[in-house]
Protein backbone atom coordinates (compact mmCIF):
# COMPACT_ATOMS: atom_id res chain seq x y z
CA UNK A 1 0.00 0.00 0.00
CA UNK A 2 1.37 3.42 -0.89
CA UNK A 3 0.28 6.44 1.17
CA UNK A 4 -0.13 9.80 -0.47
CA UNK A 5 -1.22 11.60 2.66
CA UNK A 6 0.20 11.74 6.17
CA UNK A 7 -3.04 12.68 7.93
CA UNK A 8 -4.09 10.66 10.96
CA UNK A 9 -7.00 9.29 8.92
CA UNK A 10 -4.59 8.00 6.25
CA UNK A 11 -2.43 6.45 8.95
CA UNK A 12 -5.54 4.92 10.51
CA UNK A 13 -6.35 3.39 7.12
CA UNK A 14 -2.92 1.77 7.19
CA UNK A 15 -3.57 0.36 10.66
CA UNK A 16 -6.95 -0.99 9.66
CA UNK A 17 -5.59 -2.53 6.47
CA UNK A 18 -2.87 -4.19 8.53
CA UNK A 19 -5.54 -5.55 10.83
CA UNK A 20 -7.42 -6.98 7.87
CA UNK A 21 -4.22 -8.61 6.57
CA UNK A 22 -3.67 -10.07 10.00
CA UNK A 23 -7.22 -11.41 10.01
CA UNK A 24 -6.16 -13.95 7.40
CA UNK A 25 -4.48 -15.81 10.28
CA UNK A 26 -6.66 -17.95 12.49
CA UNK A 27 -5.37 -16.58 15.81
CA UNK A 28 -8.03 -14.69 17.76
CA UNK A 29 -6.08 -14.02 20.98
CA UNK A 30 -5.34 -10.28 21.40
CA UNK A 31 -1.67 -9.37 20.95
CA UNK A 32 0.68 -6.51 20.13
CA UNK A 33 1.87 -6.12 16.55
CA UNK A 34 4.23 -3.57 15.08
CA UNK A 35 4.58 -2.76 11.41
CA UNK A 36 6.95 -0.35 9.74
CA UNK A 37 6.38 1.08 6.29
CA UNK A 38 8.04 3.99 4.53
CA UNK A 39 5.37 6.50 5.61
CA UNK A 40 3.96 4.98 8.78
CA UNK A 41 4.88 2.99 11.86
CA UNK A 42 2.02 1.25 13.67
CA UNK A 43 1.91 -0.38 17.08
CA UNK A 44 -1.47 -2.03 17.62
CA UNK A 45 -3.18 -4.25 20.16
CA UNK A 46 -6.09 -6.46 19.22
CA UNK A 47 -7.11 -9.83 17.92
CA UNK A 48 -7.03 -10.84 14.30
CA UNK A 49 -10.52 -9.55 13.55
CA UNK A 50 -11.49 -6.18 12.15
CA UNK A 51 -11.56 -4.73 15.65
CA UNK A 52 -8.43 -3.11 17.08
CA UNK A 53 -8.48 -2.15 20.75
CA UNK A 54 -5.64 0.38 20.52
CA UNK A 55 -3.51 1.61 17.62
CA UNK A 56 -0.57 4.01 17.88
CA UNK A 57 0.45 5.39 14.49
CA UNK A 58 3.15 7.83 13.44
CA UNK A 59 4.98 9.10 10.42
CA UNK A 60 8.63 8.15 11.08
CA UNK A 61 10.55 10.83 12.99
CA UNK A 62 7.53 13.17 13.03
CA UNK A 63 7.50 13.40 16.84
CA UNK A 64 3.71 13.00 16.73
CA UNK A 65 1.67 9.87 17.47
CA UNK A 66 -1.94 9.45 16.40
CA UNK A 67 -3.90 7.35 18.86
CA UNK A 68 -6.89 5.28 17.84
CA UNK A 69 -9.04 3.61 20.49
CA UNK A 70 -11.49 1.09 19.02
CA UNK A 71 -14.23 1.50 21.62
CA UNK A 72 -14.95 4.30 24.09
CA UNK A 73 -18.08 4.55 26.25
CA UNK A 74 -21.75 3.95 25.45
CA UNK A 75 -22.67 7.38 26.87
CA UNK A 76 -20.67 9.12 24.12
CA UNK A 77 -21.81 10.01 20.61
CA UNK A 78 -19.70 10.39 17.43
CA UNK A 79 -18.00 13.74 16.77
CA UNK A 80 -17.74 14.67 20.45
CA UNK A 81 -14.66 16.34 21.89
CA UNK A 82 -13.36 14.14 24.69
CA UNK A 83 -10.20 13.63 26.72
CA UNK A 84 -8.94 10.09 27.24
CA UNK A 85 -6.54 9.34 30.10
CA UNK A 86 -3.82 6.75 29.51
CA UNK A 87 -1.81 5.46 32.48
CA UNK A 88 1.22 3.15 32.34
CA UNK A 89 3.19 2.74 35.54
CA UNK A 90 3.73 6.21 37.01
CA UNK A 91 3.20 7.98 33.67
CA UNK A 92 -0.17 9.50 32.86
CA UNK A 93 -1.24 11.32 29.69
CA UNK A 94 -4.50 13.17 29.14
CA UNK A 95 -5.10 13.05 25.38
CA UNK A 96 -7.69 15.38 23.84
CA UNK A 97 -9.43 14.22 20.70
CA UNK A 98 -12.77 13.34 19.20
CA UNK A 99 -15.05 10.36 18.96
CA UNK A 100 -15.76 8.77 15.58
CA UNK A 101 -18.41 6.37 14.30
CA UNK A 102 -17.79 2.67 14.94
CA UNK A 103 -20.72 0.74 13.51
CA UNK A 104 -19.20 -2.66 14.36
CA UNK A 105 -18.92 -1.94 18.08
CA UNK A 106 -22.05 0.15 18.52
CA UNK A 107 -20.08 2.71 20.56
CA UNK A 108 -17.81 5.42 19.16
CA UNK A 109 -14.09 5.07 18.60
CA UNK A 110 -11.57 7.76 19.60
CA UNK A 111 -8.87 9.62 17.70
CA UNK A 112 -6.31 11.81 19.43
CA UNK A 113 -2.68 12.85 19.19
CA UNK A 114 0.28 12.84 21.58
CA UNK A 115 3.94 13.85 21.25
CA UNK A 116 6.24 10.88 20.70
CA UNK A 117 8.43 12.24 23.51
CA UNK A 118 5.64 11.92 26.09
CA UNK A 119 6.81 9.85 29.10
CA UNK A 120 3.86 7.47 28.55
CA UNK A 121 5.67 5.73 25.68
CA UNK A 122 8.81 5.04 27.72
CA UNK A 123 6.67 3.85 30.65
CA UNK A 124 4.88 1.36 28.40
CA UNK A 125 8.16 -0.51 28.00
CA UNK A 126 8.28 -1.45 31.69
CA UNK A 127 4.70 -1.34 32.96
CA UNK A 128 2.57 -4.50 33.23
CA UNK A 129 -0.46 -2.81 31.63
CA UNK A 130 -1.85 0.42 30.25
CA UNK A 131 -5.08 1.71 31.76
CA UNK A 132 -7.35 3.69 29.44
CA UNK A 133 -10.14 5.83 30.90
CA UNK A 134 -12.77 7.52 28.77
CA UNK A 135 -15.97 8.91 30.31
CA UNK A 136 -17.14 6.21 32.78
CA UNK A 137 -15.29 3.32 31.13
CA UNK A 138 -11.84 2.04 32.08
CA UNK A 139 -10.03 -0.65 30.12
CA UNK A 140 -6.71 -2.29 30.98
CA UNK A 141 -4.53 -3.67 28.18
CA UNK A 142 -1.58 -5.92 29.07
CA UNK A 143 1.86 -4.68 28.07
CA UNK A 144 4.07 -7.54 29.20
CA UNK A 145 3.61 -9.37 25.89
CA UNK A 146 4.77 -6.30 23.97
CA UNK A 147 8.47 -7.03 24.43
CA UNK A 148 10.79 -4.45 22.86
CA UNK A 149 8.11 -3.05 20.54
CA UNK A 150 7.34 -0.03 22.78
CA UNK A 151 10.92 1.26 22.70
CA UNK A 152 11.29 0.51 18.97
CA UNK A 153 8.04 2.37 18.23
CA UNK A 154 9.01 5.36 20.35
CA UNK A 155 12.43 5.57 18.70
CA UNK A 156 10.93 5.33 15.20
CA UNK A 157 8.48 8.16 15.91
CA UNK A 158 10.83 10.62 17.62
CA UNK A 159 12.78 13.22 15.72
CA UNK A 160 16.37 12.09 15.18
C-alpha atoms as a PDB file:
ATOM      1  CA  UNK A   1       0.000   0.000   0.000  1.00  0.00           C
ATOM      2  CA  UNK A   2       1.369   3.425  -0.893  1.00  0.00           C
ATOM      3  CA  UNK A   3       0.282   6.443   1.171  1.00  0.00           C
ATOM      4  CA  UNK A   4      -0.127   9.796  -0.467  1.00  0.00           C
ATOM      5  CA  UNK A   5      -1.218  11.597   2.657  1.00  0.00           C
ATOM      6  CA  UNK A   6       0.197  11.745   6.172  1.00  0.00           C
ATOM      7  CA  UNK A   7      -3.045  12.681   7.932  1.00  0.00           C
ATOM      8  CA  UNK A   8      -4.092  10.659  10.957  1.00  0.00           C
ATOM      9  CA  UNK A   9      -6.998   9.286   8.915  1.00  0.00           C
ATOM     10  CA  UNK A  10      -4.585   7.997   6.252  1.00  0.00           C
ATOM     11  CA  UNK A  11      -2.433   6.450   8.953  1.00  0.00           C
ATOM     12  CA  UNK A  12      -5.537   4.917  10.507  1.00  0.00           C
ATOM     13  CA  UNK A  13      -6.351   3.392   7.123  1.00  0.00           C
ATOM     14  CA  UNK A  14      -2.919   1.767   7.192  1.00  0.00           C
ATOM     15  CA  UNK A  15      -3.570   0.364  10.663  1.00  0.00           C
ATOM     16  CA  UNK A  16      -6.947  -0.987   9.660  1.00  0.00           C
ATOM     17  CA  UNK A  17      -5.587  -2.525   6.467  1.00  0.00           C
ATOM     18  CA  UNK A  18      -2.866  -4.188   8.533  1.00  0.00           C
ATOM     19  CA  UNK A  19      -5.543  -5.548  10.833  1.00  0.00           C
ATOM     20  CA  UNK A  20      -7.418  -6.979   7.870  1.00  0.00           C
ATOM     21  CA  UNK A  21      -4.224  -8.609   6.567  1.00  0.00           C
ATOM     22  CA  UNK A  22      -3.671 -10.068  10.002  1.00  0.00           C
ATOM     23  CA  UNK A  23      -7.222 -11.411  10.012  1.00  0.00           C
ATOM     24  CA  UNK A  24      -6.165 -13.948   7.403  1.00  0.00           C
ATOM     25  CA  UNK A  25      -4.476 -15.809  10.278  1.00  0.00           C
ATOM     26  CA  UNK A  26      -6.659 -17.948  12.486  1.00  0.00           C
ATOM     27  CA  UNK A  27      -5.371 -16.579  15.806  1.00  0.00           C
ATOM     28  CA  UNK A  28      -8.028 -14.690  17.757  1.00  0.00           C
ATOM     29  CA  UNK A  29      -6.078 -14.023  20.977  1.00  0.00           C
ATOM     30  CA  UNK A  30      -5.340 -10.277  21.397  1.00  0.00           C
ATOM     31  CA  UNK A  31      -1.670  -9.366  20.953  1.00  0.00           C
ATOM     32  CA  UNK A  32       0.676  -6.511  20.132  1.00  0.00           C
ATOM     33  CA  UNK A  33       1.866  -6.123  16.549  1.00  0.00           C
ATOM     34  CA  UNK A  34       4.228  -3.568  15.077  1.00  0.00           C
ATOM     35  CA  UNK A  35       4.578  -2.757  11.410  1.00  0.00           C
ATOM     36  CA  UNK A  36       6.948  -0.348   9.739  1.00  0.00           C
ATOM     37  CA  UNK A  37       6.381   1.085   6.290  1.00  0.00           C
ATOM     38  CA  UNK A  38       8.036   3.987   4.531  1.00  0.00           C
ATOM     39  CA  UNK A  39       5.369   6.500   5.608  1.00  0.00           C
ATOM     40  CA  UNK A  40       3.955   4.979   8.783  1.00  0.00           C
ATOM     41  CA  UNK A  41       4.878   2.990  11.864  1.00  0.00           C
ATOM     42  CA  UNK A  42       2.019   1.250  13.674  1.00  0.00           C
ATOM     43  CA  UNK A  43       1.913  -0.383  17.078  1.00  0.00           C
ATOM     44  CA  UNK A  44      -1.471  -2.035  17.624  1.00  0.00           C
ATOM     45  CA  UNK A  45      -3.184  -4.245  20.161  1.00  0.00           C
ATOM     46  CA  UNK A  46      -6.086  -6.464  19.217  1.00  0.00           C
ATOM     47  CA  UNK A  47      -7.110  -9.826  17.925  1.00  0.00           C
ATOM     48  CA  UNK A  48      -7.026 -10.842  14.300  1.00  0.00           C
ATOM     49  CA  UNK A  49     -10.517  -9.552  13.554  1.00  0.00           C
ATOM     50  CA  UNK A  50     -11.488  -6.182  12.150  1.00  0.00           C
ATOM     51  CA  UNK A  51     -11.557  -4.725  15.654  1.00  0.00           C
ATOM     52  CA  UNK A  52      -8.426  -3.110  17.080  1.00  0.00           C
ATOM     53  CA  UNK A  53      -8.476  -2.154  20.751  1.00  0.00           C
ATOM     54  CA  UNK A  54      -5.636   0.380  20.522  1.00  0.00           C
ATOM     55  CA  UNK A  55      -3.512   1.613  17.623  1.00  0.00           C
ATOM     56  CA  UNK A  56      -0.566   4.007  17.880  1.00  0.00           C
ATOM     57  CA  UNK A  57       0.453   5.392  14.489  1.00  0.00           C
ATOM     58  CA  UNK A  58       3.154   7.829  13.445  1.00  0.00           C
ATOM     59  CA  UNK A  59       4.979   9.098  10.424  1.00  0.00           C
ATOM     60  CA  UNK A  60       8.625   8.148  11.082  1.00  0.00           C
ATOM     61  CA  UNK A  61      10.550  10.830  12.995  1.00  0.00           C
ATOM     62  CA  UNK A  62       7.534  13.172  13.030  1.00  0.00           C
ATOM     63  CA  UNK A  63       7.502  13.395  16.843  1.00  0.00           C
ATOM     64  CA  UNK A  64       3.712  12.995  16.732  1.00  0.00           C
ATOM     65  CA  UNK A  65       1.673   9.870  17.475  1.00  0.00           C
ATOM     66  CA  UNK A  66      -1.938   9.451  16.397  1.00  0.00           C
ATOM     67  CA  UNK A  67      -3.901   7.355  18.862  1.00  0.00           C
ATOM     68  CA  UNK A  68      -6.894   5.277  17.840  1.00  0.00           C
ATOM     69  CA  UNK A  69      -9.041   3.612  20.495  1.00  0.00           C
ATOM     70  CA  UNK A  70     -11.493   1.094  19.019  1.00  0.00           C
ATOM     71  CA  UNK A  71     -14.231   1.497  21.623  1.00  0.00           C
ATOM     72  CA  UNK A  72     -14.953   4.302  24.086  1.00  0.00           C
ATOM     73  CA  UNK A  73     -18.076   4.551  26.251  1.00  0.00           C
ATOM     74  CA  UNK A  74     -21.748   3.949  25.453  1.00  0.00           C
ATOM     75  CA  UNK A  75     -22.667   7.381  26.866  1.00  0.00           C
ATOM     76  CA  UNK A  76     -20.671   9.121  24.117  1.00  0.00           C
ATOM     77  CA  UNK A  77     -21.809  10.006  20.609  1.00  0.00           C
ATOM     78  CA  UNK A  78     -19.703  10.386  17.433  1.00  0.00           C
ATOM     79  CA  UNK A  79     -18.004  13.740  16.765  1.00  0.00           C
ATOM     80  CA  UNK A  80     -17.742  14.668  20.450  1.00  0.00           C
ATOM     81  CA  UNK A  81     -14.662  16.341  21.888  1.00  0.00           C
ATOM     82  CA  UNK A  82     -13.364  14.138  24.689  1.00  0.00           C
ATOM     83  CA  UNK A  83     -10.199  13.629  26.723  1.00  0.00           C
ATOM     84  CA  UNK A  84      -8.945  10.088  27.242  1.00  0.00           C
ATOM     85  CA  UNK A  85      -6.536   9.339  30.097  1.00  0.00           C
ATOM     86  CA  UNK A  86      -3.815   6.749  29.514  1.00  0.00           C
ATOM     87  CA  UNK A  87      -1.809   5.457  32.485  1.00  0.00           C
ATOM     88  CA  UNK A  88       1.223   3.147  32.338  1.00  0.00           C
ATOM     89  CA  UNK A  89       3.192   2.739  35.537  1.00  0.00           C
ATOM     90  CA  UNK A  90       3.734   6.208  37.014  1.00  0.00           C
ATOM     91  CA  UNK A  91       3.199   7.981  33.668  1.00  0.00           C
ATOM     92  CA  UNK A  92      -0.166   9.505  32.862  1.00  0.00           C
ATOM     93  CA  UNK A  93      -1.236  11.317  29.693  1.00  0.00           C
ATOM     94  CA  UNK A  94      -4.500  13.167  29.141  1.00  0.00           C
ATOM     95  CA  UNK A  95      -5.102  13.050  25.382  1.00  0.00           C
ATOM     96  CA  UNK A  96      -7.687  15.382  23.844  1.00  0.00           C
ATOM     97  CA  UNK A  97      -9.428  14.221  20.703  1.00  0.00           C
ATOM     98  CA  UNK A  98     -12.771  13.338  19.200  1.00  0.00           C
ATOM     99  CA  UNK A  99     -15.049  10.360  18.963  1.00  0.00           C
ATOM    100  CA  UNK A 100     -15.758   8.768  15.584  1.00  0.00           C
ATOM    101  CA  UNK A 101     -18.408   6.368  14.298  1.00  0.00           C
ATOM    102  CA  UNK A 102     -17.792   2.671  14.938  1.00  0.00           C
ATOM    103  CA  UNK A 103     -20.716   0.736  13.511  1.00  0.00           C
ATOM    104  CA  UNK A 104     -19.203  -2.665  14.356  1.00  0.00           C
ATOM    105  CA  UNK A 105     -18.922  -1.940  18.077  1.00  0.00           C
ATOM    106  CA  UNK A 106     -22.052   0.153  18.525  1.00  0.00           C
ATOM    107  CA  UNK A 107     -20.083   2.706  20.563  1.00  0.00           C
ATOM    108  CA  UNK A 108     -17.815   5.424  19.162  1.00  0.00           C
ATOM    109  CA  UNK A 109     -14.090   5.075  18.602  1.00  0.00           C
ATOM    110  CA  UNK A 110     -11.568   7.760  19.603  1.00  0.00           C
ATOM    111  CA  UNK A 111      -8.869   9.620  17.698  1.00  0.00           C
ATOM    112  CA  UNK A 112      -6.307  11.812  19.429  1.00  0.00           C
ATOM    113  CA  UNK A 113      -2.679  12.852  19.188  1.00  0.00           C
ATOM    114  CA  UNK A 114       0.276  12.840  21.577  1.00  0.00           C
ATOM    115  CA  UNK A 115       3.937  13.851  21.251  1.00  0.00           C
ATOM    116  CA  UNK A 116       6.244  10.877  20.703  1.00  0.00           C
ATOM    117  CA  UNK A 117       8.432  12.243  23.508  1.00  0.00           C
ATOM    118  CA  UNK A 118       5.638  11.916  26.088  1.00  0.00           C
ATOM    119  CA  UNK A 119       6.806   9.850  29.097  1.00  0.00           C
ATOM    120  CA  UNK A 120       3.865   7.475  28.555  1.00  0.00           C
ATOM    121  CA  UNK A 121       5.671   5.727  25.677  1.00  0.00           C
ATOM    122  CA  UNK A 122       8.807   5.039  27.716  1.00  0.00           C
ATOM    123  CA  UNK A 123       6.667   3.853  30.653  1.00  0.00           C
ATOM    124  CA  UNK A 124       4.875   1.364  28.400  1.00  0.00           C
ATOM    125  CA  UNK A 125       8.158  -0.513  28.000  1.00  0.00           C
ATOM    126  CA  UNK A 126       8.278  -1.453  31.691  1.00  0.00           C
ATOM    127  CA  UNK A 127       4.698  -1.338  32.964  1.00  0.00           C
ATOM    128  CA  UNK A 128       2.574  -4.501  33.230  1.00  0.00           C
ATOM    129  CA  UNK A 129      -0.455  -2.806  31.629  1.00  0.00           C
ATOM    130  CA  UNK A 130      -1.850   0.422  30.250  1.00  0.00           C
ATOM    131  CA  UNK A 131      -5.076   1.713  31.755  1.00  0.00           C
ATOM    132  CA  UNK A 132      -7.350   3.691  29.436  1.00  0.00           C
ATOM    133  CA  UNK A 133     -10.139   5.828  30.895  1.00  0.00           C
ATOM    134  CA  UNK A 134     -12.775   7.525  28.768  1.00  0.00           C
ATOM    135  CA  UNK A 135     -15.966   8.906  30.310  1.00  0.00           C
ATOM    136  CA  UNK A 136     -17.138   6.207  32.776  1.00  0.00           C
ATOM    137  CA  UNK A 137     -15.290   3.324  31.125  1.00  0.00           C
ATOM    138  CA  UNK A 138     -11.840   2.042  32.082  1.00  0.00           C
ATOM    139  CA  UNK A 139     -10.035  -0.651  30.124  1.00  0.00           C
ATOM    140  CA  UNK A 140      -6.709  -2.289  30.977  1.00  0.00           C
ATOM    141  CA  UNK A 141      -4.532  -3.669  28.182  1.00  0.00           C
ATOM    142  CA  UNK A 142      -1.579  -5.922  29.071  1.00  0.00           C
ATOM    143  CA  UNK A 143       1.857  -4.676  28.066  1.00  0.00           C
ATOM    144  CA  UNK A 144       4.070  -7.536  29.204  1.00  0.00           C
ATOM    145  CA  UNK A 145       3.607  -9.372  25.886  1.00  0.00           C
ATOM    146  CA  UNK A 146       4.775  -6.295  23.967  1.00  0.00           C
ATOM    147  CA  UNK A 147       8.466  -7.034  24.431  1.00  0.00           C
ATOM    148  CA  UNK A 148      10.787  -4.453  22.862  1.00  0.00           C
ATOM    149  CA  UNK A 149       8.108  -3.048  20.539  1.00  0.00           C
ATOM    150  CA  UNK A 150       7.343  -0.033  22.781  1.00  0.00           C
ATOM    151  CA  UNK A 151      10.922   1.259  22.698  1.00  0.00           C
ATOM    152  CA  UNK A 152      11.290   0.509  18.970  1.00  0.00           C
ATOM    153  CA  UNK A 153       8.043   2.371  18.227  1.00  0.00           C
ATOM    154  CA  UNK A 154       9.011   5.355  20.352  1.00  0.00           C
ATOM    155  CA  UNK A 155      12.431   5.569  18.704  1.00  0.00           C
ATOM    156  CA  UNK A 156      10.934   5.330  15.203  1.00  0.00           C
ATOM    157  CA  UNK A 157       8.485   8.159  15.910  1.00  0.00           C
ATOM    158  CA  UNK A 158      10.826  10.624  17.623  1.00  0.00           C
ATOM    159  CA  UNK A 159      12.783  13.221  15.715  1.00  0.00           C
ATOM    160  CA  UNK A 160      16.372  12.091  15.183  1.00  0.00           C
END
